[in-house]
C-alpha atoms as a PDB file:
ATOM      1  CA  MET A   1      36.818 -35.720-159.424  1.00  0.00           C
ATOM      2  CA  SER A   2      36.466 -35.124-155.738  1.00  0.00           C
ATOM      3  CA  GLN A   3      35.868 -31.736-154.184  1.00  0.00           C
ATOM      4  CA  SER A   4      39.036 -30.094-152.907  1.00  0.00           C
ATOM      5  CA  GLY A   5      37.364 -28.098-150.156  1.00  0.00           C
ATOM      6  CA  TYR A   6      38.900 -24.947-151.615  1.00  0.00           C
ATOM      7  CA  SER A   7      36.820 -21.810-151.194  1.00  0.00           C
ATOM      8  CA  ASP A   8      37.220 -18.971-153.691  1.00  0.00           C
ATOM      9  CA  SER A   9      35.367 -16.426-151.564  1.00  0.00           C
ATOM     10  CA  TYR A  10      36.878 -13.552-149.582  1.00  0.00           C
ATOM     11  CA  ARG A  11      35.990 -12.159-146.169  1.00  0.00           C
ATOM     12  CA  PRO A  12      36.234  -8.407-145.455  1.00  0.00           C
ATOM     13  CA  LEU A  13      38.788  -7.569-142.772  1.00  0.00           C
ATOM     14  CA  GLN A  14      39.574  -4.173-141.278  1.00  0.00           C
ATOM     15  CA  ALA A  15      42.502  -3.998-138.858  1.00  0.00           C
ATOM     16  CA  GLY A  16      41.465  -0.685-137.328  1.00  0.00           C
ATOM     17  CA  PRO A  17      39.319   2.406-137.880  1.00  0.00           C
ATOM     18  CA  GLN A  18      42.124   4.240-139.704  1.00  0.00           C
ATOM     19  CA  THR A  19      43.078   1.353-142.024  1.00  0.00           C
ATOM     20  CA  ASP A  20      41.710   0.468-145.433  1.00  0.00           C
ATOM     21  CA  LEU A  21      39.330  -2.441-145.809  1.00  0.00           C
ATOM     22  CA  ARG A  22      41.178  -5.541-147.005  1.00  0.00           C
ATOM     23  CA  TYR A  23      39.843  -8.941-147.984  1.00  0.00           C
ATOM     24  CA  LEU A  24      41.144 -12.214-146.593  1.00  0.00           C
ATOM     25  CA  PRO A  25      40.668 -15.396-148.636  1.00  0.00           C
ATOM     26  CA  GLN A  26      38.319 -17.880-146.999  1.00  0.00           C
ATOM     27  CA  ALA A  27      40.755 -20.620-148.065  1.00  0.00           C
ATOM     28  CA  CYS A  28      43.382 -19.226-145.669  1.00  0.00           C
ATOM     29  CA  LEU A  29      41.162 -19.473-142.602  1.00  0.00           C
ATOM     30  CA  ALA A  30      41.278 -23.270-142.379  1.00  0.00           C
ATOM     31  CA  ASP A  31      44.125 -25.141-140.720  1.00  0.00           C
ATOM     32  CA  ASP A  32      46.062 -27.633-142.778  1.00  0.00           C
ATOM     33  CA  MET A  33      48.285 -29.627-140.447  1.00  0.00           C
ATOM     34  CA  ILE A  34      50.014 -32.802-141.522  1.00  0.00           C
ATOM     35  CA  GLY A  35      51.724 -34.192-138.477  1.00  0.00           C
ATOM     36  CA  THR A  36      53.354 -31.321-136.624  1.00  0.00           C
ATOM     37  CA  VAL A  37      54.257 -29.201-139.664  1.00  0.00           C
ATOM     38  CA  PRO A  38      51.911 -26.241-140.212  1.00  0.00           C
ATOM     39  CA  ARG A  39      51.195 -25.539-143.880  1.00  0.00           C
ATOM     40  CA  LEU A  40      48.999 -23.201-145.866  1.00  0.00           C
ATOM     41  CA  PRO A  41      45.652 -24.750-146.835  1.00  0.00           C
ATOM     42  CA  PRO A  42      45.139 -25.635-150.516  1.00  0.00           C
ATOM     43  CA  GLY A  43      44.422 -22.533-152.604  1.00  0.00           C
ATOM     44  CA  CYS A  44      45.451 -20.046-149.925  1.00  0.00           C
ATOM     45  CA  ALA A  45      48.653 -18.867-151.623  1.00  0.00           C
ATOM     46  CA  ASN A  46      46.905 -18.401-154.988  1.00  0.00           C
ATOM     47  CA  ALA A  47      44.057 -16.487-153.371  1.00  0.00           C
ATOM     48  CA  LEU A  48      46.498 -14.233-151.488  1.00  0.00           C
ATOM     49  CA  ASN A  49      48.401 -13.516-154.700  1.00  0.00           C
ATOM     50  CA  LEU A  50      45.162 -12.649-156.508  1.00  0.00           C
ATOM     51  CA  ALA A  51      44.153 -10.334-153.657  1.00  0.00           C
ATOM     52  CA  GLU A  52      47.458  -8.477-154.031  1.00  0.00           C
ATOM     53  CA  MET A  53      47.040  -8.094-157.810  1.00  0.00           C
ATOM     54  CA  VAL A  54      43.606  -6.453-157.914  1.00  0.00           C
ATOM     55  CA  ILE A  55      43.432  -2.675-158.014  1.00  0.00           C
ATOM     56  CA  ASP A  56      40.263  -2.326-155.958  1.00  0.00           C
ATOM     57  CA  GLN A  57      39.931  -4.813-153.092  1.00  0.00           C
ATOM     58  CA  ARG A  58      36.130  -4.571-153.259  1.00  0.00           C
ATOM     59  CA  ASP A  59      36.294  -6.396-156.598  1.00  0.00           C
ATOM     60  CA  LEU A  60      37.141  -9.560-154.649  1.00  0.00           C
ATOM     61  CA  SER A  61      33.718  -9.677-153.020  1.00  0.00           C
ATOM     62  CA  ARG A  62      31.661  -8.250-155.880  1.00  0.00           C
ATOM     63  CA  GLY A  63      32.994  -7.682-159.368  1.00  0.00           C
ATOM     64  CA  ARG A  64      32.186  -4.819-161.713  1.00  0.00           C
ATOM     65  CA  GLU A  65      30.093  -4.799-164.858  1.00  0.00           C
ATOM     66  CA  MET A  66      32.181  -5.608-167.891  1.00  0.00           C
ATOM     67  CA  GLY A  67      32.469  -2.986-170.570  1.00  0.00           C
ATOM     68  CA  PRO A  68      32.097  -3.577-174.284  1.00  0.00           C
ATOM     69  CA  ALA A  69      34.335  -6.166-175.842  1.00  0.00           C
ATOM     70  CA  LEU A  70      37.381  -4.601-177.471  1.00  0.00           C
ATOM     71  CA  VAL A  71      37.502  -7.341-180.053  1.00  0.00           C
ATOM     72  CA  GLY A  72      34.015  -6.573-181.451  1.00  0.00           C
ATOM     73  CA  PRO A  73      35.137  -4.743-184.620  1.00  0.00           C
ATOM     74  CA  ALA A  74      37.788  -7.375-185.350  1.00  0.00           C
ATOM     75  CA  ALA A  75      35.262 -10.193-184.911  1.00  0.00           C
ATOM     76  CA  SER A  76      32.871  -8.451-187.306  1.00  0.00           C
ATOM     77  CA  ALA A  77      35.632  -8.109-189.887  1.00  0.00           C
ATOM     78  CA  VAL A  78      36.532 -11.795-189.586  1.00  0.00           C
ATOM     79  CA  GLU A  79      32.889 -12.834-189.903  1.00  0.00           C
ATOM     80  CA  GLN A  80      32.528 -10.660-192.982  1.00  0.00           C
ATOM     81  CA  TYR A  81      35.738 -12.082-194.469  1.00  0.00           C
ATOM     82  CA  LEU A  82      34.609 -15.640-193.855  1.00  0.00           C
ATOM     83  CA  GLY A  83      31.237 -14.950-195.423  1.00  0.00           C
ATOM     84  CA  VAL A  84      29.222 -15.502-192.264  1.00  0.00           C
ATOM     85  CA  ARG A  85      27.473 -12.174-192.668  1.00  0.00           C
ATOM     86  CA  GLU A  86      27.176 -12.017-196.467  1.00  0.00           C
ATOM     87  CA  ASP A  87      23.396 -11.771-196.434  1.00  0.00           C
ATOM     88  CA  GLN A  88      23.448  -8.965-193.877  1.00  0.00           C
ATOM     89  CA  GLU A  89      26.085  -7.094-195.871  1.00  0.00           C
ATOM     90  CA  ALA A  90      24.094  -7.521-199.082  1.00  0.00           C
ATOM     91  CA  ASP A  91      21.030  -6.028-197.406  1.00  0.00           C
ATOM     92  CA  ARG A  92      23.157  -3.171-196.051  1.00  0.00           C
ATOM     93  CA  ARG A  93      24.642  -2.471-199.498  1.00  0.00           C
ATOM     94  CA  LYS A  94      21.166  -2.353-201.045  1.00  0.00           C
ATOM     95  CA  GLN A  95      20.002   0.042-198.354  1.00  0.00           C
ATOM     96  CA  LEU A  96      23.005   2.342-198.896  1.00  0.00           C
ATOM     97  CA  GLU A  97      22.540   2.258-202.683  1.00  0.00           C
ATOM     98  CA  SER A  98      18.853   3.159-202.365  1.00  0.00           C
ATOM     99  CA  GLU A  99      19.710   6.011-199.983  1.00  0.00           C
ATOM    100  CA  SER A 100      22.372   7.373-202.358  1.00  0.00           C
ATOM    101  CA  ALA A 101      19.961   7.170-205.300  1.00  0.00           C
ATOM    102  CA  ILE A 102      17.435   9.248-203.364  1.00  0.00           C
ATOM    103  CA  THR A 103      19.952  11.987-202.565  1.00  0.00           C
ATOM    104  CA  ASN A 104      21.291  12.156-206.143  1.00  0.00           C
END
């Protein structure tokens, strides 16, 4: 496949001292003229839509650290159900049984 020339980076843009910092897609800075009809460059519309959907515009230039996966407990349950973690569960059961025997 050939390269499309599409850039997924954003450039900070501040219209004035009293305005919030906004980010302009790099893809929208290039001219895309076919004949005499001006058109948006490839990827510009998608990048503009993404820029409007984010809550914090700074996330467009540098993202945030991801938090813990919300599916972690469900994945553990599925692994246990499928028997992937049987040996770990057997060790855990033995440990719990030995701890309960000590306290009784």
